[in-house]
Amino acid sequence: TVTVAVGSVPTAQVAPGGKLAVPVVLDLTNAGGGNIASLAATLNWAAGRLQLDSVVKTGTFGTFTSNTADAANGSAALTLFNATGASSTVTFATAYFTALTTVGGTRVGITAQTAGTDAGANLAAAIRARPLDVCVVPFGKWGDVNGDSVVNILDAQQVSRRAVALPVANRSEEHTSEL
C-alpha cells in the first residue's frame, strides 16, 4: 500500500484567523519495495472553516501542479509526476490555509483519482488516504475558568459556585476581593 497523507500528524488545532501549513506526503513504508511515479488527486476541506491561501511544491521530487480554481468550494486538484518514481517517503506539496472565524472542525482529506509506477502499473487499488482533522478554536487551557493560564482549585471553585447560582469572581474582581 501507498499512503497519501495530509499532514504529518492526524490532528491539528488552529485559532480563528490563524495560519495552517499542511504537508502532503507519499508514504511508501508499506509499499513492499514498490514505487510511485504519478498521482492525480483532489484535496478537499470545509470552505466555511478554512480558506486555501496556496499550494506549493515541496522538495525536489517530480513535477507538481495544482489547480485551485474550485478553492472557494473547498477543493483543489493536485498532480505529481516523476519518471523514476519514489520508493521512500516523500513530501511533495504544502497547502497553506487561513482559519476562518467559524469555530468548529473540518477534515482536510485527499482522494486519489489515478496513481502509477514508473513502469506504468496502475496503483489505484493500493492507495490509502490519511486525512487531517482540524479544529478551529481559540487557544486556551481547557478548564482555566478565571483566565490566569493555570488550571487549579480556584477554577474548580468557580465552576462549583456557578453550578449552584452563587456569585462568580471575574478577572477584575480577583485582585480587589483579596483586600
N, C-alpha and C. Protein backbone atom coordinates (compact mmCIF):
# COMPACT_ATOMS: atom_id res chain seq x y z
N THR A 1 0.83 -1.20 0.00
CA THR A 1 0.00 0.00 0.00
C THR A 1 0.87 1.26 0.00
N VAL A 2 0.33 2.29 -0.60
CA VAL A 2 0.96 3.61 -0.60
C VAL A 2 -0.02 4.54 0.10
N THR A 3 0.44 5.20 1.15
CA THR A 3 -0.41 6.13 1.88
C THR A 3 -0.16 7.54 1.37
N VAL A 4 -1.25 8.23 1.03
CA VAL A 4 -1.17 9.65 0.71
C VAL A 4 -1.72 10.36 1.94
N ALA A 5 -0.82 10.98 2.68
CA ALA A 5 -1.19 11.59 3.96
C ALA A 5 -1.28 13.09 3.84
N VAL A 6 -2.32 13.64 4.44
CA VAL A 6 -2.47 15.08 4.55
C VAL A 6 -2.07 15.43 5.97
N GLY A 7 -0.94 16.12 6.12
CA GLY A 7 -0.42 16.44 7.44
C GLY A 7 0.54 15.38 7.91
N SER A 8 1.47 15.79 8.76
CA SER A 8 2.44 14.84 9.30
C SER A 8 1.92 14.16 10.56
N VAL A 9 0.83 14.68 11.11
CA VAL A 9 0.14 14.09 12.27
C VAL A 9 -1.35 14.05 11.93
N PRO A 10 -2.16 13.25 12.61
CA PRO A 10 -3.57 13.11 12.23
C PRO A 10 -4.49 14.25 12.65
N THR A 11 -4.05 15.13 13.58
CA THR A 11 -4.92 16.21 14.03
C THR A 11 -4.13 17.51 14.16
N ALA A 12 -4.87 18.63 14.06
CA ALA A 12 -4.25 19.95 14.23
C ALA A 12 -5.28 20.89 14.83
N GLN A 13 -4.79 21.89 15.53
CA GLN A 13 -5.66 22.92 16.10
C GLN A 13 -5.14 24.26 15.61
N VAL A 14 -6.05 25.14 15.22
CA VAL A 14 -5.69 26.47 14.76
C VAL A 14 -6.72 27.46 15.28
N ALA A 15 -6.26 28.63 15.67
CA ALA A 15 -7.16 29.66 16.17
C ALA A 15 -7.84 30.36 15.01
N PRO A 16 -9.04 30.89 15.19
CA PRO A 16 -9.69 31.66 14.14
C PRO A 16 -8.76 32.77 13.65
N GLY A 17 -8.60 32.88 12.35
CA GLY A 17 -7.70 33.86 11.77
C GLY A 17 -6.26 33.39 11.69
N GLY A 18 -5.96 32.24 12.28
CA GLY A 18 -4.60 31.71 12.29
C GLY A 18 -4.24 31.03 10.98
N LYS A 19 -2.97 30.80 10.79
CA LYS A 19 -2.43 30.17 9.59
C LYS A 19 -2.11 28.71 9.88
N LEU A 20 -2.28 27.87 8.87
CA LEU A 20 -2.03 26.44 8.99
C LEU A 20 -1.29 25.96 7.75
N ALA A 21 -0.13 25.35 7.93
CA ALA A 21 0.64 24.74 6.85
C ALA A 21 0.44 23.24 6.91
N VAL A 22 -0.02 22.64 5.80
CA VAL A 22 -0.36 21.22 5.78
C VAL A 22 0.48 20.51 4.71
N PRO A 23 1.47 19.69 5.12
CA PRO A 23 2.24 18.94 4.13
C PRO A 23 1.41 17.82 3.52
N VAL A 24 1.68 17.52 2.25
CA VAL A 24 1.04 16.39 1.56
C VAL A 24 2.16 15.39 1.28
N VAL A 25 2.00 14.17 1.83
CA VAL A 25 3.09 13.20 1.90
C VAL A 25 2.72 11.90 1.21
N LEU A 26 3.65 11.36 0.44
CA LEU A 26 3.55 10.00 -0.09
C LEU A 26 4.37 9.11 0.83
N ASP A 27 3.72 8.19 1.52
CA ASP A 27 4.40 7.31 2.47
C ASP A 27 4.45 5.90 1.86
N LEU A 28 5.65 5.47 1.53
CA LEU A 28 5.84 4.15 0.93
C LEU A 28 6.41 3.13 1.90
N THR A 29 6.23 3.37 3.19
CA THR A 29 6.73 2.46 4.23
C THR A 29 6.19 1.05 4.02
N ASN A 30 4.93 0.92 3.60
CA ASN A 30 4.30 -0.39 3.43
C ASN A 30 4.11 -0.76 1.97
N ALA A 31 4.97 -0.23 1.09
CA ALA A 31 4.83 -0.48 -0.35
C ALA A 31 5.58 -1.72 -0.82
N GLY A 32 6.27 -2.40 0.07
CA GLY A 32 6.96 -3.63 -0.30
C GLY A 32 8.03 -3.43 -1.35
N GLY A 33 8.72 -2.29 -1.32
CA GLY A 33 9.79 -2.03 -2.29
C GLY A 33 9.30 -1.44 -3.60
N GLY A 34 7.99 -1.26 -3.75
CA GLY A 34 7.46 -0.66 -4.97
C GLY A 34 7.69 0.84 -5.00
N ASN A 35 7.24 1.47 -6.08
CA ASN A 35 7.40 2.91 -6.19
C ASN A 35 6.13 3.55 -6.72
N ILE A 36 6.10 4.85 -6.64
CA ILE A 36 5.01 5.63 -7.22
C ILE A 36 5.65 6.74 -8.05
N ALA A 37 5.18 6.88 -9.29
CA ALA A 37 5.73 7.88 -10.19
C ALA A 37 4.71 8.94 -10.58
N SER A 38 3.42 8.62 -10.46
CA SER A 38 2.41 9.60 -10.84
C SER A 38 1.22 9.53 -9.89
N LEU A 39 0.60 10.69 -9.71
CA LEU A 39 -0.56 10.79 -8.84
C LEU A 39 -1.42 11.95 -9.30
N ALA A 40 -2.70 11.70 -9.42
CA ALA A 40 -3.69 12.76 -9.64
C ALA A 40 -4.68 12.63 -8.49
N ALA A 41 -4.86 13.70 -7.73
CA ALA A 41 -5.69 13.64 -6.54
C ALA A 41 -6.41 14.95 -6.32
N THR A 42 -7.45 14.88 -5.46
CA THR A 42 -8.19 16.07 -5.07
C THR A 42 -8.07 16.27 -3.58
N LEU A 43 -7.65 17.47 -3.20
CA LEU A 43 -7.59 17.88 -1.81
C LEU A 43 -8.91 18.56 -1.50
N ASN A 44 -9.54 18.20 -0.35
CA ASN A 44 -10.83 18.82 -0.02
C ASN A 44 -10.92 19.14 1.46
N TRP A 45 -11.74 20.17 1.78
CA TRP A 45 -11.90 20.67 3.15
C TRP A 45 -13.21 21.43 3.22
N ALA A 46 -13.62 21.81 4.41
CA ALA A 46 -14.83 22.61 4.59
C ALA A 46 -14.48 24.07 4.35
N ALA A 47 -15.02 24.63 3.28
CA ALA A 47 -14.70 26.02 2.91
C ALA A 47 -15.22 27.02 3.94
N GLY A 48 -16.15 26.62 4.79
CA GLY A 48 -16.65 27.50 5.84
C GLY A 48 -15.74 27.56 7.05
N ARG A 49 -14.74 26.70 7.12
CA ARG A 49 -13.80 26.67 8.25
C ARG A 49 -12.40 27.14 7.85
N LEU A 50 -11.97 26.75 6.65
CA LEU A 50 -10.62 27.07 6.19
C LEU A 50 -10.67 27.71 4.80
N GLN A 51 -9.77 28.65 4.59
CA GLN A 51 -9.61 29.26 3.28
C GLN A 51 -8.23 28.87 2.76
N LEU A 52 -8.17 28.32 1.55
CA LEU A 52 -6.89 27.94 0.96
C LEU A 52 -6.18 29.20 0.47
N ASP A 53 -4.95 29.40 0.95
CA ASP A 53 -4.15 30.53 0.50
C ASP A 53 -3.30 30.14 -0.71
N SER A 54 -2.67 28.95 -0.65
CA SER A 54 -1.85 28.48 -1.77
C SER A 54 -1.48 27.02 -1.56
N VAL A 55 -1.06 26.40 -2.64
CA VAL A 55 -0.48 25.06 -2.60
C VAL A 55 0.82 25.15 -3.38
N VAL A 56 1.92 24.79 -2.73
CA VAL A 56 3.22 24.91 -3.37
C VAL A 56 3.97 23.59 -3.35
N LYS A 57 4.83 23.42 -4.32
CA LYS A 57 5.68 22.23 -4.38
C LYS A 57 6.66 22.27 -3.21
N THR A 58 6.88 21.09 -2.62
CA THR A 58 7.83 20.96 -1.53
C THR A 58 8.87 19.93 -1.96
N GLY A 59 10.14 20.23 -1.78
CA GLY A 59 11.19 19.28 -2.14
C GLY A 59 11.49 19.28 -3.63
N THR A 60 12.27 18.29 -4.03
CA THR A 60 12.75 18.22 -5.41
C THR A 60 12.13 17.08 -6.20
N PHE A 61 11.23 16.31 -5.60
CA PHE A 61 10.68 15.15 -6.28
C PHE A 61 9.65 15.54 -7.33
N GLY A 62 9.92 15.26 -8.55
CA GLY A 62 8.94 15.33 -9.63
C GLY A 62 8.46 16.71 -10.02
N THR A 63 7.51 16.67 -10.95
CA THR A 63 6.83 17.87 -11.44
C THR A 63 5.47 17.92 -10.75
N PHE A 64 5.19 19.03 -10.13
CA PHE A 64 3.96 19.19 -9.38
C PHE A 64 3.15 20.34 -9.96
N THR A 65 1.83 20.12 -10.09
CA THR A 65 0.92 21.20 -10.48
C THR A 65 -0.31 21.15 -9.59
N SER A 66 -0.90 22.32 -9.41
CA SER A 66 -2.15 22.38 -8.65
C SER A 66 -3.12 23.27 -9.40
N ASN A 67 -4.40 22.94 -9.25
CA ASN A 67 -5.47 23.75 -9.82
C ASN A 67 -6.37 24.13 -8.66
N THR A 68 -6.36 25.41 -8.31
CA THR A 68 -7.11 25.89 -7.16
C THR A 68 -8.36 26.67 -7.57
N ALA A 69 -8.82 26.48 -8.80
CA ALA A 69 -9.98 27.21 -9.30
C ALA A 69 -11.24 26.97 -8.46
N ASP A 70 -11.34 25.82 -7.81
CA ASP A 70 -12.53 25.50 -7.01
C ASP A 70 -12.27 25.62 -5.50
N ALA A 71 -11.23 26.38 -5.14
CA ALA A 71 -10.86 26.51 -3.73
C ALA A 71 -11.96 27.15 -2.90
N ALA A 72 -12.74 28.04 -3.47
CA ALA A 72 -13.84 28.67 -2.72
C ALA A 72 -14.89 27.65 -2.29
N ASN A 73 -14.93 26.51 -2.96
CA ASN A 73 -15.85 25.43 -2.61
C ASN A 73 -15.17 24.32 -1.82
N GLY A 74 -13.90 24.52 -1.42
CA GLY A 74 -13.20 23.53 -0.62
C GLY A 74 -12.58 22.40 -1.40
N SER A 75 -12.02 22.70 -2.58
CA SER A 75 -11.44 21.65 -3.41
C SER A 75 -10.28 22.19 -4.24
N ALA A 76 -9.22 21.39 -4.36
CA ALA A 76 -8.08 21.73 -5.21
C ALA A 76 -7.56 20.44 -5.84
N ALA A 77 -7.24 20.50 -7.13
CA ALA A 77 -6.71 19.34 -7.85
C ALA A 77 -5.19 19.37 -7.80
N LEU A 78 -4.58 18.22 -7.51
CA LEU A 78 -3.12 18.10 -7.43
C LEU A 78 -2.65 17.02 -8.38
N THR A 79 -1.55 17.26 -9.08
CA THR A 79 -0.95 16.22 -9.92
C THR A 79 0.56 16.21 -9.66
N LEU A 80 1.11 15.01 -9.73
CA LEU A 80 2.53 14.81 -9.48
C LEU A 80 3.05 13.78 -10.48
N PHE A 81 4.24 14.04 -11.05
CA PHE A 81 4.85 13.08 -11.96
C PHE A 81 6.36 13.11 -11.80
N ASN A 82 6.96 11.91 -11.77
CA ASN A 82 8.40 11.75 -11.77
C ASN A 82 8.71 10.48 -12.53
N ALA A 83 9.53 10.55 -13.56
CA ALA A 83 9.81 9.41 -14.44
C ALA A 83 10.41 8.22 -13.70
N THR A 84 11.21 8.46 -12.67
CA THR A 84 11.86 7.35 -11.97
C THR A 84 11.07 6.83 -10.78
N GLY A 85 10.13 7.59 -10.28
CA GLY A 85 9.30 7.14 -9.16
C GLY A 85 10.01 7.27 -7.82
N ALA A 86 9.21 7.32 -6.78
CA ALA A 86 9.73 7.37 -5.41
C ALA A 86 9.52 6.01 -4.76
N SER A 87 10.52 5.54 -4.03
CA SER A 87 10.38 4.27 -3.31
C SER A 87 10.51 4.48 -1.81
N SER A 88 10.57 5.73 -1.39
CA SER A 88 10.61 6.06 0.03
C SER A 88 9.65 7.23 0.28
N THR A 89 9.47 7.59 1.52
CA THR A 89 8.53 8.65 1.88
C THR A 89 8.99 9.99 1.33
N VAL A 90 8.03 10.72 0.70
CA VAL A 90 8.33 11.99 0.06
C VAL A 90 7.23 12.99 0.39
N THR A 91 7.61 14.18 0.84
CA THR A 91 6.66 15.27 0.98
C THR A 91 6.74 16.05 -0.32
N PHE A 92 5.64 16.11 -1.07
CA PHE A 92 5.70 16.73 -2.39
C PHE A 92 5.00 18.07 -2.49
N ALA A 93 4.18 18.43 -1.52
CA ALA A 93 3.49 19.73 -1.57
C ALA A 93 3.14 20.16 -0.16
N THR A 94 2.89 21.46 -0.03
CA THR A 94 2.38 22.01 1.22
C THR A 94 1.21 22.92 0.88
N ALA A 95 0.08 22.69 1.54
CA ALA A 95 -1.10 23.54 1.37
C ALA A 95 -1.13 24.52 2.54
N TYR A 96 -1.33 25.79 2.23
CA TYR A 96 -1.39 26.83 3.25
C TYR A 96 -2.82 27.33 3.37
N PHE A 97 -3.33 27.32 4.60
CA PHE A 97 -4.70 27.73 4.87
C PHE A 97 -4.73 28.86 5.90
N THR A 98 -5.82 29.63 5.86
CA THR A 98 -6.15 30.58 6.92
C THR A 98 -7.46 30.10 7.52
N ALA A 99 -7.50 29.97 8.85
CA ALA A 99 -8.72 29.56 9.54
C ALA A 99 -9.71 30.72 9.53
N LEU A 100 -10.95 30.44 9.22
CA LEU A 100 -11.99 31.47 9.22
C LEU A 100 -12.51 31.65 10.65
N THR A 101 -13.45 32.55 10.83
CA THR A 101 -13.91 32.87 12.18
C THR A 101 -14.93 31.87 12.72
N THR A 102 -15.44 30.98 11.87
CA THR A 102 -16.42 29.99 12.32
C THR A 102 -15.70 28.89 13.09
N VAL A 103 -15.99 28.78 14.38
CA VAL A 103 -15.36 27.78 15.23
C VAL A 103 -15.98 26.42 14.95
N GLY A 104 -15.14 25.39 14.90
CA GLY A 104 -15.61 24.02 14.68
C GLY A 104 -14.54 23.19 14.02
N GLY A 105 -14.94 22.03 13.56
CA GLY A 105 -13.98 21.11 12.98
C GLY A 105 -14.17 20.93 11.49
N THR A 106 -13.12 20.48 10.85
CA THR A 106 -13.16 20.10 9.45
C THR A 106 -12.12 19.02 9.21
N ARG A 107 -12.29 18.31 8.17
CA ARG A 107 -11.33 17.29 7.77
C ARG A 107 -10.72 17.73 6.44
N VAL A 108 -9.40 17.82 6.42
CA VAL A 108 -8.69 18.07 5.16
C VAL A 108 -8.34 16.69 4.63
N GLY A 109 -9.00 16.31 3.55
CA GLY A 109 -8.81 14.97 3.00
C GLY A 109 -8.23 15.00 1.62
N ILE A 110 -7.86 13.84 1.14
CA ILE A 110 -7.33 13.72 -0.21
C ILE A 110 -7.90 12.46 -0.83
N THR A 111 -8.31 12.57 -2.08
CA THR A 111 -8.85 11.44 -2.82
C THR A 111 -8.03 11.27 -4.09
N ALA A 112 -7.42 10.10 -4.24
CA ALA A 112 -6.62 9.82 -5.43
C ALA A 112 -7.52 9.34 -6.56
N GLN A 113 -7.41 9.98 -7.72
CA GLN A 113 -8.14 9.52 -8.90
C GLN A 113 -7.32 8.47 -9.66
N THR A 114 -6.03 8.77 -9.86
CA THR A 114 -5.13 7.84 -10.54
C THR A 114 -3.77 7.86 -9.87
N ALA A 115 -3.07 6.74 -9.98
CA ALA A 115 -1.70 6.64 -9.48
C ALA A 115 -1.01 5.53 -10.25
N GLY A 116 0.29 5.70 -10.48
CA GLY A 116 1.00 4.68 -11.23
C GLY A 116 2.46 4.60 -10.85
N THR A 117 3.10 3.49 -11.26
CA THR A 117 4.53 3.28 -11.02
C THR A 117 5.32 3.81 -12.20
N ASP A 118 6.65 3.76 -12.08
CA ASP A 118 7.50 4.20 -13.18
C ASP A 118 7.38 3.27 -14.40
N ALA A 119 6.91 2.03 -14.20
CA ALA A 119 6.71 1.09 -15.29
C ALA A 119 5.30 1.17 -15.87
N GLY A 120 4.48 2.08 -15.36
CA GLY A 120 3.13 2.27 -15.87
C GLY A 120 2.07 1.40 -15.21
N ALA A 121 2.42 0.67 -14.16
CA ALA A 121 1.43 -0.16 -13.47
C ALA A 121 0.46 0.73 -12.70
N ASN A 122 -0.81 0.36 -12.70
CA ASN A 122 -1.86 1.10 -12.02
C ASN A 122 -1.81 0.82 -10.52
N LEU A 123 -1.70 1.88 -9.72
CA LEU A 123 -1.64 1.74 -8.26
C LEU A 123 -2.93 2.15 -7.56
N ALA A 124 -3.96 2.44 -8.31
CA ALA A 124 -5.20 2.98 -7.71
C ALA A 124 -5.71 2.12 -6.55
N ALA A 125 -5.65 0.81 -6.69
CA ALA A 125 -6.16 -0.07 -5.64
C ALA A 125 -5.25 -0.10 -4.41
N ALA A 126 -4.01 0.32 -4.55
CA ALA A 126 -3.05 0.28 -3.45
C ALA A 126 -2.97 1.60 -2.67
N ILE A 127 -3.66 2.65 -3.13
CA ILE A 127 -3.59 3.95 -2.48
C ILE A 127 -4.52 3.99 -1.27
N ARG A 128 -3.99 4.45 -0.16
CA ARG A 128 -4.76 4.68 1.06
C ARG A 128 -4.59 6.13 1.44
N ALA A 129 -5.68 6.79 1.75
CA ALA A 129 -5.61 8.20 2.14
C ALA A 129 -5.68 8.33 3.65
N ARG A 130 -4.90 9.26 4.19
CA ARG A 130 -4.98 9.59 5.61
C ARG A 130 -5.26 11.09 5.73
N PRO A 131 -6.46 11.44 6.19
CA PRO A 131 -6.82 12.86 6.27
C PRO A 131 -6.23 13.53 7.51
N LEU A 132 -6.43 14.83 7.57
CA LEU A 132 -6.04 15.62 8.72
C LEU A 132 -7.29 16.23 9.31
N ASP A 133 -7.58 15.94 10.59
CA ASP A 133 -8.71 16.54 11.29
C ASP A 133 -8.24 17.84 11.91
N VAL A 134 -8.93 18.93 11.56
CA VAL A 134 -8.54 20.26 12.02
C VAL A 134 -9.64 20.83 12.90
N CYS A 135 -9.26 21.36 14.05
CA CYS A 135 -10.19 22.02 14.95
C CYS A 135 -9.86 23.52 14.94
N VAL A 136 -10.84 24.33 14.54
CA VAL A 136 -10.69 25.77 14.56
C VAL A 136 -11.32 26.26 15.86
N VAL A 137 -10.48 26.68 16.80
CA VAL A 137 -10.95 27.08 18.12
C VAL A 137 -9.90 28.01 18.74
N PRO A 138 -10.34 29.00 19.52
CA PRO A 138 -9.36 29.86 20.19
C PRO A 138 -8.48 29.04 21.12
N PHE A 139 -7.21 29.40 21.19
CA PHE A 139 -6.30 28.69 22.07
C PHE A 139 -6.56 29.10 23.51
N GLY A 140 -6.33 28.21 24.41
CA GLY A 140 -6.50 28.45 25.83
C GLY A 140 -6.46 27.12 26.53
N LYS A 141 -6.33 27.16 27.82
CA LYS A 141 -6.31 25.92 28.60
C LYS A 141 -7.73 25.53 28.94
N TRP A 142 -8.11 24.31 28.60
CA TRP A 142 -9.43 23.82 28.97
C TRP A 142 -9.50 23.73 30.48
N GLY A 143 -10.53 24.31 31.04
CA GLY A 143 -10.71 24.29 32.49
C GLY A 143 -10.19 25.53 33.17
N ASP A 144 -9.50 26.41 32.43
CA ASP A 144 -8.99 27.65 33.01
C ASP A 144 -10.11 28.68 33.01
N VAL A 145 -10.94 28.62 34.04
CA VAL A 145 -12.14 29.44 34.11
C VAL A 145 -11.83 30.91 34.35
N ASN A 146 -10.84 31.19 35.18
CA ASN A 146 -10.56 32.58 35.53
C ASN A 146 -9.50 33.24 34.65
N GLY A 147 -8.97 32.54 33.65
CA GLY A 147 -8.05 33.13 32.69
C GLY A 147 -6.66 33.43 33.20
N ASP A 148 -6.21 32.74 34.24
CA ASP A 148 -4.87 33.00 34.77
C ASP A 148 -3.81 32.04 34.20
N SER A 149 -4.15 31.28 33.17
CA SER A 149 -3.27 30.33 32.49
C SER A 149 -2.86 29.14 33.35
N VAL A 150 -3.59 28.91 34.45
CA VAL A 150 -3.34 27.77 35.33
C VAL A 150 -4.68 27.10 35.61
N VAL A 151 -4.72 25.78 35.50
CA VAL A 151 -5.93 25.05 35.87
C VAL A 151 -5.69 24.50 37.27
N ASN A 152 -6.48 25.01 38.23
CA ASN A 152 -6.24 24.62 39.63
C ASN A 152 -7.56 24.65 40.41
N ILE A 153 -7.46 24.60 41.72
CA ILE A 153 -8.62 24.54 42.60
C ILE A 153 -9.48 25.79 42.49
N LEU A 154 -8.86 26.92 42.19
CA LEU A 154 -9.65 28.15 42.03
C LEU A 154 -10.63 28.03 40.87
N ASP A 155 -10.20 27.40 39.79
CA ASP A 155 -11.11 27.18 38.66
C ASP A 155 -12.24 26.25 39.07
N ALA A 156 -11.92 25.20 39.79
CA ALA A 156 -12.95 24.25 40.24
C ALA A 156 -13.95 24.94 41.16
N GLN A 157 -13.46 25.84 42.02
CA GLN A 157 -14.37 26.57 42.90
C GLN A 157 -15.31 27.47 42.11
N GLN A 158 -14.79 28.11 41.07
CA GLN A 158 -15.64 28.98 40.25
C GLN A 158 -16.74 28.18 39.56
N VAL A 159 -16.38 27.02 39.04
CA VAL A 159 -17.37 26.16 38.38
C VAL A 159 -18.42 25.72 39.39
N SER A 160 -17.98 25.31 40.57
CA SER A 160 -18.91 24.87 41.60
C SER A 160 -19.85 25.99 42.03
N ARG A 161 -19.33 27.19 42.23
CA ARG A 161 -20.16 28.33 42.62
C ARG A 161 -21.20 28.63 41.54
N ARG A 162 -20.78 28.59 40.30
CA ARG A 162 -21.71 28.88 39.20
C ARG A 162 -22.81 27.82 39.14
N ALA A 163 -22.46 26.57 39.39
CA ALA A 163 -23.42 25.47 39.32
C ALA A 163 -24.55 25.61 40.33
N VAL A 164 -24.28 26.26 41.47
CA VAL A 164 -25.32 26.43 42.49
C VAL A 164 -25.79 27.89 42.58
N ALA A 165 -25.56 28.64 41.51
CA ALA A 165 -26.05 30.02 41.37
C ALA A 165 -25.47 31.00 42.37
N LEU A 166 -24.25 30.74 42.85
CA LEU A 166 -23.56 31.71 43.71
C LEU A 166 -22.76 32.68 42.83
N PRO A 167 -22.40 33.85 43.35
CA PRO A 167 -21.63 34.81 42.55
C PRO A 167 -20.27 34.22 42.16
N VAL A 168 -19.82 34.59 40.96
CA VAL A 168 -18.53 34.12 40.45
C VAL A 168 -17.65 35.33 40.21
N ALA A 169 -16.41 35.28 40.70
CA ALA A 169 -15.48 36.40 40.51
C ALA A 169 -15.01 36.44 39.07
N ASN A 170 -14.93 37.66 38.53
CA ASN A 170 -14.31 37.78 37.21
C ASN A 170 -12.88 38.26 37.40
N ARG A 171 -12.12 38.36 36.34
CA ARG A 171 -10.69 38.68 36.45
C ARG A 171 -10.45 40.01 37.14
N SER A 172 -11.27 41.03 36.89
CA SER A 172 -11.04 42.32 37.53
C SER A 172 -11.39 42.29 39.01
N GLU A 173 -12.27 41.40 39.42
CA GLU A 173 -12.66 41.31 40.82
C GLU A 173 -11.67 40.49 41.65
N GLU A 174 -10.86 39.66 40.99
CA GLU A 174 -9.98 38.76 41.72
C GLU A 174 -9.05 39.51 42.65
N HIS A 175 -8.46 40.60 42.17
CA HIS A 175 -7.48 41.31 42.97
C HIS A 175 -8.15 42.20 44.02
N THR A 176 -9.31 42.77 43.72
CA THR A 176 -9.97 43.63 44.69
C THR A 176 -10.58 42.83 45.82
N SER A 177 -10.97 41.58 45.55
CA SER A 177 -11.61 40.79 46.60
C SER A 177 -10.59 40.32 47.64
N GLU A 178 -9.30 40.40 47.32
CA GLU A 178 -8.28 39.96 48.26
C GLU A 178 -8.01 41.04 49.33
N LEU A 179 -8.44 42.28 49.10
CA LEU A 179 -8.11 43.39 50.01
C LEU A 179 -8.94 43.38 51.27
